[in-house]
PDB file of all heavy atoms in Angstrom:
ATOM      1  N   LEU A   1       0.835  -1.199   0.000  1.00  0.00           N
ATOM      2  CA  LEU A   1       0.000   0.000   0.000  1.00  0.00           C
ATOM      3  C   LEU A   1       0.868   1.247   0.000  1.00  0.00           C
ATOM      4  O   LEU A   1       0.620   2.196  -0.736  1.00  0.00           O
ATOM      5  CB  LEU A   1      -0.928   0.006   1.220  1.00  0.00           C
ATOM      6  CG  LEU A   1      -1.743   1.280   1.431  1.00  0.00           C
ATOM      7  CD1 LEU A   1      -2.695   1.525   0.251  1.00  0.00           C
ATOM      8  CD2 LEU A   1      -2.495   1.211   2.742  1.00  0.00           C
ATOM      9  N   ARG A   2       1.932   1.249   0.788  1.00  0.00           N
ATOM     10  CA  ARG A   2       2.829   2.402   0.849  1.00  0.00           C
ATOM     11  C   ARG A   2       3.506   2.622  -0.508  1.00  0.00           C
ATOM     12  O   ARG A   2       3.624   3.745  -0.982  1.00  0.00           O
ATOM     13  CB  ARG A   2       3.880   2.197   1.937  1.00  0.00           C
ATOM     14  CG  ARG A   2       4.565   3.497   2.334  1.00  0.00           C
ATOM     15  CD  ARG A   2       6.055   3.411   2.075  1.00  0.00           C
ATOM     16  NE  ARG A   2       6.718   4.565   2.652  1.00  0.00           N
ATOM     17  CZ  ARG A   2       7.158   5.578   1.916  1.00  0.00           C
ATOM     18  NH1 ARG A   2       6.998   5.590   0.627  1.00  0.00           N
ATOM     19  NH2 ARG A   2       7.769   6.600   2.476  1.00  0.00           N
ATOM     20  N   ASN A   3       3.957   1.539  -1.152  1.00  0.00           N
ATOM     21  CA  ASN A   3       4.597   1.656  -2.465  1.00  0.00           C
ATOM     22  C   ASN A   3       3.604   2.178  -3.512  1.00  0.00           C
ATOM     23  O   ASN A   3       3.960   3.002  -4.355  1.00  0.00           O
ATOM     24  CB  ASN A   3       5.174   0.315  -2.899  1.00  0.00           C
ATOM     25  CG  ASN A   3       6.334  -0.127  -2.028  1.00  0.00           C
ATOM     26  OD1 ASN A   3       6.868   0.637  -1.240  1.00  0.00           O
ATOM     27  ND2 ASN A   3       6.703  -1.390  -2.152  1.00  0.00           N
ATOM     28  N   TRP A   4       2.362   1.716  -3.438  1.00  0.00           N
ATOM     29  CA  TRP A   4       1.330   2.207  -4.355  1.00  0.00           C
ATOM     30  C   TRP A   4       1.102   3.703  -4.137  1.00  0.00           C
ATOM     31  O   TRP A   4       1.010   4.474  -5.091  1.00  0.00           O
ATOM     32  CB  TRP A   4       0.028   1.426  -4.142  1.00  0.00           C
ATOM     33  CG  TRP A   4      -1.099   1.970  -4.939  1.00  0.00           C
ATOM     34  CD1 TRP A   4      -1.397   1.689  -6.245  1.00  0.00           C
ATOM     35  CD2 TRP A   4      -2.061   2.936  -4.506  1.00  0.00           C
ATOM     36  NE1 TRP A   4      -2.501   2.424  -6.635  1.00  0.00           N
ATOM     37  CE2 TRP A   4      -2.918   3.189  -5.586  1.00  0.00           C
ATOM     38  CE3 TRP A   4      -2.281   3.603  -3.296  1.00  0.00           C
ATOM     39  CZ2 TRP A   4      -3.978   4.083  -5.501  1.00  0.00           C
ATOM     40  CZ3 TRP A   4      -3.336   4.498  -3.210  1.00  0.00           C
ATOM     41  CH2 TRP A   4      -4.172   4.726  -4.306  1.00  0.00           C
ATOM     42  N   ALA A   5       1.012   4.118  -2.875  1.00  0.00           N
ATOM     43  CA  ALA A   5       0.812   5.534  -2.568  1.00  0.00           C
ATOM     44  C   ALA A   5       1.976   6.370  -3.092  1.00  0.00           C
ATOM     45  O   ALA A   5       1.783   7.474  -3.590  1.00  0.00           O
ATOM     46  CB  ALA A   5       0.653   5.735  -1.066  1.00  0.00           C
ATOM     47  N   HIS A   6       3.186   5.821  -3.030  1.00  0.00           N
ATOM     48  CA  HIS A   6       4.363   6.528  -3.535  1.00  0.00           C
ATOM     49  C   HIS A   6       4.278   6.713  -5.048  1.00  0.00           C
ATOM     50  O   HIS A   6       4.594   7.783  -5.576  1.00  0.00           O
ATOM     51  CB  HIS A   6       5.618   5.760  -3.148  1.00  0.00           C
ATOM     52  CG  HIS A   6       6.852   6.587  -3.155  1.00  0.00           C
ATOM     53  ND1 HIS A   6       8.034   6.133  -2.648  1.00  0.00           N
ATOM     54  CD2 HIS A   6       7.119   7.830  -3.617  1.00  0.00           C
ATOM     55  CE1 HIS A   6       8.958   7.068  -2.792  1.00  0.00           C
ATOM     56  NE2 HIS A   6       8.418   8.103  -3.388  1.00  0.00           N
ATOM     57  N   GLU A   7       3.844   5.687  -5.774  1.00  0.00           N
ATOM     58  CA  GLU A   7       3.662   5.807  -7.228  1.00  0.00           C
ATOM     59  C   GLU A   7       2.602   6.865  -7.553  1.00  0.00           C
ATOM     60  O   GLU A   7       2.786   7.678  -8.458  1.00  0.00           O
ATOM     61  CB  GLU A   7       3.245   4.466  -7.837  1.00  0.00           C
ATOM     62  CG  GLU A   7       4.357   3.458  -7.973  1.00  0.00           C
ATOM     63  CD  GLU A   7       5.346   3.770  -9.087  1.00  0.00           C
ATOM     64  OE1 GLU A   7       5.099   4.672  -9.913  1.00  0.00           O
ATOM     65  OE2 GLU A   7       6.385   3.111  -9.128  1.00  0.00           O
ATOM     66  N   GLN A   8       1.509   6.869  -6.788  1.00  0.00           N
ATOM     67  CA  GLN A   8       0.465   7.865  -6.998  1.00  0.00           C
ATOM     68  C   GLN A   8       0.989   9.262  -6.692  1.00  0.00           C
ATOM     69  O   GLN A   8       0.626  10.235  -7.349  1.00  0.00           O
ATOM     70  CB  GLN A   8      -0.764   7.553  -6.137  1.00  0.00           C
ATOM     71  CG  GLN A   8      -1.426   6.242  -6.451  1.00  0.00           C
ATOM     72  CD  GLN A   8      -1.740   6.075  -7.922  1.00  0.00           C
ATOM     73  OE1 GLN A   8      -2.344   6.943  -8.523  1.00  0.00           O
ATOM     74  NE2 GLN A   8      -1.315   4.973  -8.485  1.00  0.00           N
ATOM     75  N   PHE A   9       1.869   9.353  -5.705  1.00  0.00           N
ATOM     76  CA  PHE A   9       2.470  10.627  -5.340  1.00  0.00           C
ATOM     77  C   PHE A   9       3.207  11.232  -6.532  1.00  0.00           C
ATOM     78  O   PHE A   9       3.096  12.428  -6.793  1.00  0.00           O
ATOM     79  CB  PHE A   9       3.429  10.408  -4.164  1.00  0.00           C
ATOM     80  CG  PHE A   9       4.154  11.650  -3.721  1.00  0.00           C
ATOM     81  CD1 PHE A   9       3.559  12.530  -2.835  1.00  0.00           C
ATOM     82  CD2 PHE A   9       5.429  11.926  -4.177  1.00  0.00           C
ATOM     83  CE1 PHE A   9       4.218  13.677  -2.409  1.00  0.00           C
ATOM     84  CE2 PHE A   9       6.099  13.067  -3.762  1.00  0.00           C
ATOM     85  CZ  PHE A   9       5.498  13.939  -2.877  1.00  0.00           C
ATOM     86  N   PHE A  10       3.961  10.411  -7.280  1.00  0.00           N
ATOM     87  CA  PHE A  10       4.684  10.918  -8.448  1.00  0.00           C
ATOM     88  C   PHE A  10       3.717  11.478  -9.494  1.00  0.00           C
ATOM     89  O   PHE A  10       3.948  12.543 -10.070  1.00  0.00           O
ATOM     90  CB  PHE A  10       5.541   9.831  -9.088  1.00  0.00           C
ATOM     91  CG  PHE A  10       6.696   9.389  -8.228  1.00  0.00           C
ATOM     92  CD1 PHE A  10       7.015   8.052  -8.134  1.00  0.00           C
ATOM     93  CD2 PHE A  10       7.459  10.301  -7.526  1.00  0.00           C
ATOM     94  CE1 PHE A  10       8.082   7.635  -7.351  1.00  0.00           C
ATOM     95  CE2 PHE A  10       8.520   9.897  -6.736  1.00  0.00           C
ATOM     96  CZ  PHE A  10       8.828   8.552  -6.650  1.00  0.00           C
ATOM     97  N   THR A  11       2.641  10.751  -9.738  1.00  0.00           N
ATOM     98  CA  THR A  11       1.644  11.210 -10.708  1.00  0.00           C
ATOM     99  C   THR A  11       1.022  12.530 -10.256  1.00  0.00           C
ATOM    100  O   THR A  11       0.908  13.472 -11.039  1.00  0.00           O
ATOM    101  CB  THR A  11       0.538  10.155 -10.872  1.00  0.00           C
ATOM    102  OG1 THR A  11       1.131   8.930 -11.298  1.00  0.00           O
ATOM    103  CG2 THR A  11      -0.504  10.587 -11.877  1.00  0.00           C
ATOM    104  N   GLU A  12       0.636  12.587  -9.001  1.00  0.00           N
ATOM    105  CA  GLU A  12       0.004  13.794  -8.470  1.00  0.00           C
ATOM    106  C   GLU A  12       0.984  14.960  -8.388  1.00  0.00           C
ATOM    107  O   GLU A  12       0.608  16.109  -8.563  1.00  0.00           O
ATOM    108  CB  GLU A  12      -0.619  13.519  -7.100  1.00  0.00           C
ATOM    109  CG  GLU A  12      -1.803  12.586  -7.160  1.00  0.00           C
ATOM    110  CD  GLU A  12      -2.928  13.114  -8.036  1.00  0.00           C
ATOM    111  OE1 GLU A  12      -3.239  14.317  -7.990  1.00  0.00           O
ATOM    112  OE2 GLU A  12      -3.506  12.310  -8.784  1.00  0.00           O
ATOM    113  N   GLN A  13       2.252  14.659  -8.157  1.00  0.00           N
ATOM    114  CA  GLN A  13       3.259  15.714  -8.111  1.00  0.00           C
ATOM    115  C   GLN A  13       3.400  16.372  -9.486  1.00  0.00           C
ATOM    116  O   GLN A  13       3.546  17.582  -9.590  1.00  0.00           O
ATOM    117  CB  GLN A  13       4.585  15.130  -7.640  1.00  0.00           C
ATOM    118  CG  GLN A  13       5.610  16.158  -7.255  1.00  0.00           C
ATOM    119  CD  GLN A  13       6.832  15.519  -6.642  1.00  0.00           C
ATOM    120  OE1 GLN A  13       7.235  14.426  -7.016  1.00  0.00           O
ATOM    121  NE2 GLN A  13       7.437  16.203  -5.690  1.00  0.00           N
ATOM    122  N   HIS A  14       3.339  15.563 -10.532  1.00  0.00           N
ATOM    123  CA  HIS A  14       3.384  16.106 -11.893  1.00  0.00           C
ATOM    124  C   HIS A  14       2.178  17.013 -12.124  1.00  0.00           C
ATOM    125  O   HIS A  14       2.314  18.130 -12.636  1.00  0.00           O
ATOM    126  CB  HIS A  14       3.410  14.976 -12.915  1.00  0.00           C
ATOM    127  CG  HIS A  14       3.333  15.438 -14.327  1.00  0.00           C
ATOM    128  ND1 HIS A  14       4.363  16.086 -14.959  1.00  0.00           N
ATOM    129  CD2 HIS A  14       2.326  15.384 -15.230  1.00  0.00           C
ATOM    130  CE1 HIS A  14       4.004  16.401 -16.187  1.00  0.00           C
ATOM    131  NE2 HIS A  14       2.764  15.986 -16.370  1.00  0.00           N
ATOM    132  N   TYR A  15       0.999  16.547 -11.724  1.00  0.00           N
ATOM    133  CA  TYR A  15      -0.216  17.349 -11.865  1.00  0.00           C
ATOM    134  C   TYR A  15      -0.093  18.647 -11.060  1.00  0.00           C
ATOM    135  O   TYR A  15      -0.460  19.719 -11.528  1.00  0.00           O
ATOM    136  CB  TYR A  15      -1.439  16.550 -11.411  1.00  0.00           C
ATOM    137  CG  TYR A  15      -2.703  17.367 -11.373  1.00  0.00           C
ATOM    138  CD1 TYR A  15      -3.365  17.715 -12.548  1.00  0.00           C
ATOM    139  CD2 TYR A  15      -3.223  17.822 -10.163  1.00  0.00           C
ATOM    140  CE1 TYR A  15      -4.516  18.478 -12.518  1.00  0.00           C
ATOM    141  CE2 TYR A  15      -4.369  18.587 -10.123  1.00  0.00           C
ATOM    142  CZ  TYR A  15      -5.009  18.912 -11.304  1.00  0.00           C
ATOM    143  OH  TYR A  15      -6.145  19.675 -11.263  1.00  0.00           O
ATOM    144  N   MET A  16       0.454  18.546  -9.847  1.00  0.00           N
ATOM    145  CA  MET A  16       0.611  19.712  -8.985  1.00  0.00           C
ATOM    146  C   MET A  16       1.518  20.751  -9.655  1.00  0.00           C
ATOM    147  O   MET A  16       1.240  21.945  -9.615  1.00  0.00           O
ATOM    148  CB  MET A  16       1.224  19.302  -7.647  1.00  0.00           C
ATOM    149  CG  MET A  16       1.516  20.464  -6.710  1.00  0.00           C
ATOM    150  SD  MET A  16       2.655  20.043  -5.369  1.00  0.00           S
ATOM    151  CE  MET A  16       4.182  19.836  -6.261  1.00  0.00           C
ATOM    152  N   ASN A  17       2.594  20.300 -10.282  1.00  0.00           N
ATOM    153  CA  ASN A  17       3.511  21.225 -10.944  1.00  0.00           C
ATOM    154  C   ASN A  17       2.827  21.964 -12.087  1.00  0.00           C
ATOM    155  O   ASN A  17       3.185  23.094 -12.402  1.00  0.00           O
ATOM    156  CB  ASN A  17       4.746  20.495 -11.447  1.00  0.00           C
ATOM    157  CG  ASN A  17       5.649  20.053 -10.320  1.00  0.00           C
ATOM    158  OD1 ASN A  17       5.642  20.627  -9.242  1.00  0.00           O
ATOM    159  ND2 ASN A  17       6.429  19.015 -10.566  1.00  0.00           N
ATOM    160  N   MET A  18       1.855  21.309 -12.718  1.00  0.00           N
ATOM    161  CA  MET A  18       1.157  21.935 -13.836  1.00  0.00           C
ATOM    162  C   MET A  18       0.019  22.848 -13.346  1.00  0.00           C
ATOM    163  O   MET A  18      -0.239  23.878 -13.935  1.00  0.00           O
ATOM    164  CB  MET A  18       0.594  20.868 -14.772  1.00  0.00           C
ATOM    165  CG  MET A  18       1.602  19.830 -15.179  1.00  0.00           C
ATOM    166  SD  MET A  18       2.187  19.824 -16.845  1.00  0.00           S
ATOM    167  CE  MET A  18       0.867  20.186 -17.859  1.00  0.00           C
ATOM    168  N   SER A  19      -0.654  22.443 -12.260  1.00  0.00           N
ATOM    169  CA  SER A  19      -1.857  23.159 -11.823  1.00  0.00           C
ATOM    170  C   SER A  19      -1.651  24.051 -10.606  1.00  0.00           C
ATOM    171  O   SER A  19      -2.430  24.971 -10.393  1.00  0.00           O
ATOM    172  CB  SER A  19      -2.964  22.151 -11.507  1.00  0.00           C
ATOM    173  OG  SER A  19      -2.633  21.437 -10.327  1.00  0.00           O
ATOM    174  N   GLY A  20      -0.667  23.719  -9.796  1.00  0.00           N
ATOM    175  CA  GLY A  20      -0.474  24.465  -8.554  1.00  0.00           C
ATOM    176  C   GLY A  20      -1.304  23.942  -7.393  1.00  0.00           C
ATOM    177  O   GLY A  20      -1.215  24.446  -6.280  1.00  0.00           O
ATOM    178  N   ASP A  21      -2.119  22.923  -7.625  1.00  0.00           N
ATOM    179  CA  ASP A  21      -2.975  22.341  -6.585  1.00  0.00           C
ATOM    180  C   ASP A  21      -2.168  21.302  -5.805  1.00  0.00           C
ATOM    181  O   ASP A  21      -1.787  20.269  -6.353  1.00  0.00           O
ATOM    182  CB  ASP A  21      -4.201  21.701  -7.238  1.00  0.00           C
ATOM    183  CG  ASP A  21      -5.175  21.147  -6.217  1.00  0.00           C
ATOM    184  OD1 ASP A  21      -4.942  21.292  -5.002  1.00  0.00           O
ATOM    185  OD2 ASP A  21      -6.181  20.554  -6.646  1.00  0.00           O
ATOM    186  N   THR A  22      -1.924  21.555  -4.536  1.00  0.00           N
ATOM    187  CA  THR A  22      -1.071  20.678  -3.728  1.00  0.00           C
ATOM    188  C   THR A  22      -1.845  19.717  -2.826  1.00  0.00           C
ATOM    189  O   THR A  22      -1.233  18.919  -2.126  1.00  0.00           O
ATOM    190  CB  THR A  22      -0.139  21.516  -2.832  1.00  0.00           C
ATOM    191  OG1 THR A  22      -0.945  22.272  -1.919  1.00  0.00           O
ATOM    192  CG2 THR A  22       0.736  22.441  -3.647  1.00  0.00           C
ATOM    193  N   ARG A  23      -3.172  19.772  -2.838  1.00  0.00           N
ATOM    194  CA  ARG A  23      -3.952  18.986  -1.873  1.00  0.00           C
ATOM    195  C   ARG A  23      -3.693  17.489  -1.960  1.00  0.00           C
ATOM    196  O   ARG A  23      -3.450  16.841  -0.947  1.00  0.00           O
ATOM    197  CB  ARG A  23      -5.444  19.257  -2.042  1.00  0.00           C
ATOM    198  CG  ARG A  23      -5.842  20.649  -1.565  1.00  0.00           C
ATOM    199  CD  ARG A  23      -7.272  20.919  -1.849  1.00  0.00           C
ATOM    200  NE  ARG A  23      -7.431  20.989  -3.310  1.00  0.00           N
ATOM    201  CZ  ARG A  23      -8.555  21.279  -3.918  1.00  0.00           C
ATOM    202  NH1 ARG A  23      -9.639  21.505  -3.222  1.00  0.00           N
ATOM    203  NH2 ARG A  23      -8.615  21.348  -5.216  1.00  0.00           N
ATOM    204  N   SER A  24      -3.731  16.924  -3.161  1.00  0.00           N
ATOM    205  CA  SER A  24      -3.575  15.466  -3.269  1.00  0.00           C
ATOM    206  C   SER A  24      -2.160  15.030  -2.884  1.00  0.00           C
ATOM    207  O   SER A  24      -1.981  13.987  -2.255  1.00  0.00           O
ATOM    208  CB  SER A  24      -3.923  14.989  -4.679  1.00  0.00           C
ATOM    209  OG  SER A  24      -3.093  15.616  -5.640  1.00  0.00           O
ATOM    210  N   VAL A  25      -1.168  15.842  -3.216  1.00  0.00           N
ATOM    211  CA  VAL A  25       0.212  15.515  -2.844  1.00  0.00           C
ATOM    212  C   VAL A  25       0.358  15.545  -1.323  1.00  0.00           C
ATOM    213  O   VAL A  25       0.996  14.671  -0.735  1.00  0.00           O
ATOM    214  CB  VAL A  25       1.200  16.492  -3.529  1.00  0.00           C
ATOM    215  CG1 VAL A  25       2.601  16.316  -3.012  1.00  0.00           C
ATOM    216  CG2 VAL A  25       1.179  16.299  -5.033  1.00  0.00           C
ATOM    217  N   ASN A  26      -0.259  16.533  -0.695  1.00  0.00           N
ATOM    218  CA  ASN A  26      -0.192  16.628   0.770  1.00  0.00           C
ATOM    219  C   ASN A  26      -0.860  15.427   1.438  1.00  0.00           C
ATOM    220  O   ASN A  26      -0.333  14.890   2.424  1.00  0.00           O
ATOM    221  CB  ASN A  26      -0.846  17.924   1.251  1.00  0.00           C
ATOM    222  CG  ASN A  26      -0.080  19.152   0.809  1.00  0.00           C
ATOM    223  OD1 ASN A  26       1.083  19.074   0.426  1.00  0.00           O
ATOM    224  ND2 ASN A  26      -0.744  20.294   0.836  1.00  0.00           N
ATOM    225  N   VAL A  27      -1.998  15.004   0.919  1.00  0.00           N
ATOM    226  CA  VAL A  27      -2.701  13.851   1.484  1.00  0.00           C
ATOM    227  C   VAL A  27      -1.862  12.592   1.342  1.00  0.00           C
ATOM    228  O   VAL A  27      -1.706  11.813   2.293  1.00  0.00           O
ATOM    229  CB  VAL A  27      -4.086  13.663   0.821  1.00  0.00           C
ATOM    230  CG1 VAL A  27      -4.688  12.315   1.187  1.00  0.00           C
ATOM    231  CG2 VAL A  27      -5.020  14.788   1.202  1.00  0.00           C
ATOM    232  N   LEU A  28      -1.291  12.370   0.162  1.00  0.00           N
ATOM    233  CA  LEU A  28      -0.480  11.174  -0.055  1.00  0.00           C
ATOM    234  C   LEU A  28       0.777  11.184   0.820  1.00  0.00           C
ATOM    235  O   LEU A  28       1.171  10.149   1.364  1.00  0.00           O
ATOM    236  CB  LEU A  28      -0.109  11.035  -1.533  1.00  0.00           C
ATOM    237  CG  LEU A  28      -1.266  10.623  -2.434  1.00  0.00           C
ATOM    238  CD1 LEU A  28      -0.902  10.830  -3.902  1.00  0.00           C
ATOM    239  CD2 LEU A  28      -1.675   9.186  -2.181  1.00  0.00           C
ATOM    240  N   GLN A  29       1.420  12.336   0.971  1.00  0.00           N
ATOM    241  CA  GLN A  29       2.604  12.420   1.828  1.00  0.00           C
ATOM    242  C   GLN A  29       2.240  12.131   3.279  1.00  0.00           C
ATOM    243  O   GLN A  29       2.960  11.422   3.978  1.00  0.00           O
ATOM    244  CB  GLN A  29       3.250  13.802   1.715  1.00  0.00           C
ATOM    245  CG  GLN A  29       4.561  13.918   2.489  1.00  0.00           C
ATOM    246  CD  GLN A  29       5.612  12.972   1.959  1.00  0.00           C
ATOM    247  OE1 GLN A  29       6.001  13.062   0.814  1.00  0.00           O
ATOM    248  NE2 GLN A  29       6.068  12.059   2.788  1.00  0.00           N
ATOM    249  N   THR A  30       1.104  12.639   3.719  1.00  0.00           N
ATOM    250  CA  THR A  30       0.643  12.372   5.083  1.00  0.00           C
ATOM    251  C   THR A  30       0.358  10.884   5.276  1.00  0.00           C
ATOM    252  O   THR A  30       0.716  10.300   6.305  1.00  0.00           O
ATOM    253  CB  THR A  30      -0.614  13.211   5.404  1.00  0.00           C
ATOM    254  OG1 THR A  30      -0.284  14.597   5.230  1.00  0.00           O
ATOM    255  CG2 THR A  30      -1.107  12.967   6.801  1.00  0.00           C
ATOM    256  N   LEU A  31      -0.275  10.260   4.281  1.00  0.00           N
ATOM    257  CA  LEU A  31      -0.543   8.824   4.343  1.00  0.00           C
ATOM    258  C   LEU A  31       0.758   8.031   4.430  1.00  0.00           C
ATOM    259  O   LEU A  31       0.888   7.127   5.266  1.00  0.00           O
ATOM    260  CB  LEU A  31      -1.347   8.377   3.115  1.00  0.00           C
ATOM    261  CG  LEU A  31      -1.534   6.880   2.947  1.00  0.00           C
ATOM    262  CD1 LEU A  31      -2.382   6.306   4.077  1.00  0.00           C
ATOM    263  CD2 LEU A  31      -2.154   6.565   1.600  1.00  0.00           C
ATOM    264  N   MET A  32       1.740   8.356   3.588  1.00  0.00           N
ATOM    265  CA  MET A  32       3.019   7.630   3.620  1.00  0.00           C
ATOM    266  C   MET A  32       3.717   7.827   4.960  1.00  0.00           C
ATOM    267  O   MET A  32       4.280   6.870   5.516  1.00  0.00           O
ATOM    268  CB  MET A  32       3.912   8.069   2.462  1.00  0.00           C
ATOM    269  CG  MET A  32       3.412   7.596   1.117  1.00  0.00           C
ATOM    270  SD  MET A  32       4.548   7.915  -0.253  1.00  0.00           S
ATOM    271  CE  MET A  32       4.550   9.697  -0.336  1.00  0.00           C
ATOM    272  N   ASN A  33       3.680   9.040   5.516  1.00  0.00           N
ATOM    273  CA  ASN A  33       4.284   9.291   6.830  1.00  0.00           C
ATOM    274  C   ASN A  33       3.616   8.454   7.912  1.00  0.00           C
ATOM    275  O   ASN A  33       4.292   7.863   8.750  1.00  0.00           O
ATOM    276  CB  ASN A  33       4.201  10.773   7.190  1.00  0.00           C
ATOM    277  CG  ASN A  33       5.135  11.624   6.366  1.00  0.00           C
ATOM    278  OD1 ASN A  33       6.074  11.133   5.747  1.00  0.00           O
ATOM    279  ND2 ASN A  33       4.862  12.911   6.339  1.00  0.00           N
ATOM    280  N   LYS A  34       2.298   8.397   7.886  1.00  0.00           N
ATOM    281  CA  LYS A  34       1.558   7.618   8.889  1.00  0.00           C
ATOM    282  C   LYS A  34       1.900   6.129   8.775  1.00  0.00           C
ATOM    283  O   LYS A  34       2.112   5.458   9.780  1.00  0.00           O
ATOM    284  CB  LYS A  34       0.057   7.842   8.737  1.00  0.00           C
ATOM    285  CG  LYS A  34      -0.755   7.185   9.832  1.00  0.00           C
ATOM    286  CD  LYS A  34      -2.179   7.664   9.786  1.00  0.00           C
ATOM    287  CE  LYS A  34      -3.000   7.113  10.910  1.00  0.00           C
ATOM    288  NZ  LYS A  34      -2.769   7.732  12.197  1.00  0.00           N
ATOM    289  N   LEU A  35       1.963   5.628   7.548  1.00  0.00           N
ATOM    290  CA  LEU A  35       2.325   4.220   7.358  1.00  0.00           C
ATOM    291  C   LEU A  35       3.731   3.937   7.885  1.00  0.00           C
ATOM    292  O   LEU A  35       3.980   2.898   8.491  1.00  0.00           O
ATOM    293  CB  LEU A  35       2.218   3.836   5.880  1.00  0.00           C
ATOM    294  CG  LEU A  35       0.798   3.739   5.317  1.00  0.00           C
ATOM    295  CD1 LEU A  35       0.841   3.592   3.801  1.00  0.00           C
ATOM    296  CD2 LEU A  35       0.030   2.599   5.950  1.00  0.00           C
ATOM    297  N   ASP A  36       4.642   4.873   7.666  1.00  0.00           N
ATOM    298  CA  ASP A  36       6.021   4.692   8.147  1.00  0.00           C
ATOM    299  C   ASP A  36       6.075   4.739   9.672  1.00  0.00           C
ATOM    300  O   ASP A  36       6.660   3.854  10.309  1.00  0.00           O
ATOM    301  CB  ASP A  36       6.942   5.774   7.580  1.00  0.00           C
ATOM    302  CG  ASP A  36       7.227   5.605   6.088  1.00  0.00           C
ATOM    303  OD1 ASP A  36       6.875   4.547   5.526  1.00  0.00           O
ATOM    304  OD2 ASP A  36       7.791   6.535   5.488  1.00  0.00           O
ATOM    305  N   TRP A  37       5.484   5.756  10.265  1.00  0.00           N
ATOM    306  CA  TRP A  37       5.604   5.965  11.705  1.00  0.00           C
ATOM    307  C   TRP A  37       4.797   4.968  12.525  1.00  0.00           C
ATOM    308  O   TRP A  37       5.274   4.465  13.532  1.00  0.00           O
ATOM    309  CB  TRP A  37       5.155   7.369  12.082  1.00  0.00           C
ATOM    310  CG  TRP A  37       6.004   8.462  11.493  1.00  0.00           C
ATOM    311  CD1 TRP A  37       7.326   8.388  11.138  1.00  0.00           C
ATOM    312  CD2 TRP A  37       5.596   9.785  11.179  1.00  0.00           C
ATOM    313  NE1 TRP A  37       7.759   9.579  10.622  1.00  0.00           N
ATOM    314  CE2 TRP A  37       6.711  10.465  10.631  1.00  0.00           C
ATOM    315  CE3 TRP A  37       4.401  10.470  11.287  1.00  0.00           C
ATOM    316  CZ2 TRP A  37       6.657  11.795  10.222  1.00  0.00           C
ATOM    317  CZ3 TRP A  37       4.362  11.791  10.879  1.00  0.00           C
ATOM    318  CH2 TRP A  37       5.475  12.438  10.357  1.00  0.00           C
ATOM    319  N   GLU A  38       3.569   4.685  12.091  1.00  0.00           N
ATOM    320  CA  GLU A  38       2.687   3.871  12.922  1.00  0.00           C
ATOM    321  C   GLU A  38       2.650   2.394  12.551  1.00  0.00           C
ATOM    322  O   GLU A  38       2.287   1.567  13.373  1.00  0.00           O
ATOM    323  CB  GLU A  38       1.264   4.445  12.898  1.00  0.00           C
ATOM    324  CG  GLU A  38       1.181   5.802  13.569  1.00  0.00           C
ATOM    325  CD  GLU A  38      -0.233   6.318  13.668  1.00  0.00           C
ATOM    326  OE1 GLU A  38      -1.180   5.506  13.627  1.00  0.00           O
ATOM    327  OE2 GLU A  38      -0.381   7.547  13.792  1.00  0.00           O
TER     328      GLU A  38
END
């Protein structure tokens, strides 16, 4: 699940660079952090 979220993060990061919308990248980063820490 963490690896899948990381792949999605790359896709969303590309979208963020084009649109300026950071919400999905922030959510995915928070999810990956939670999976790592907890």
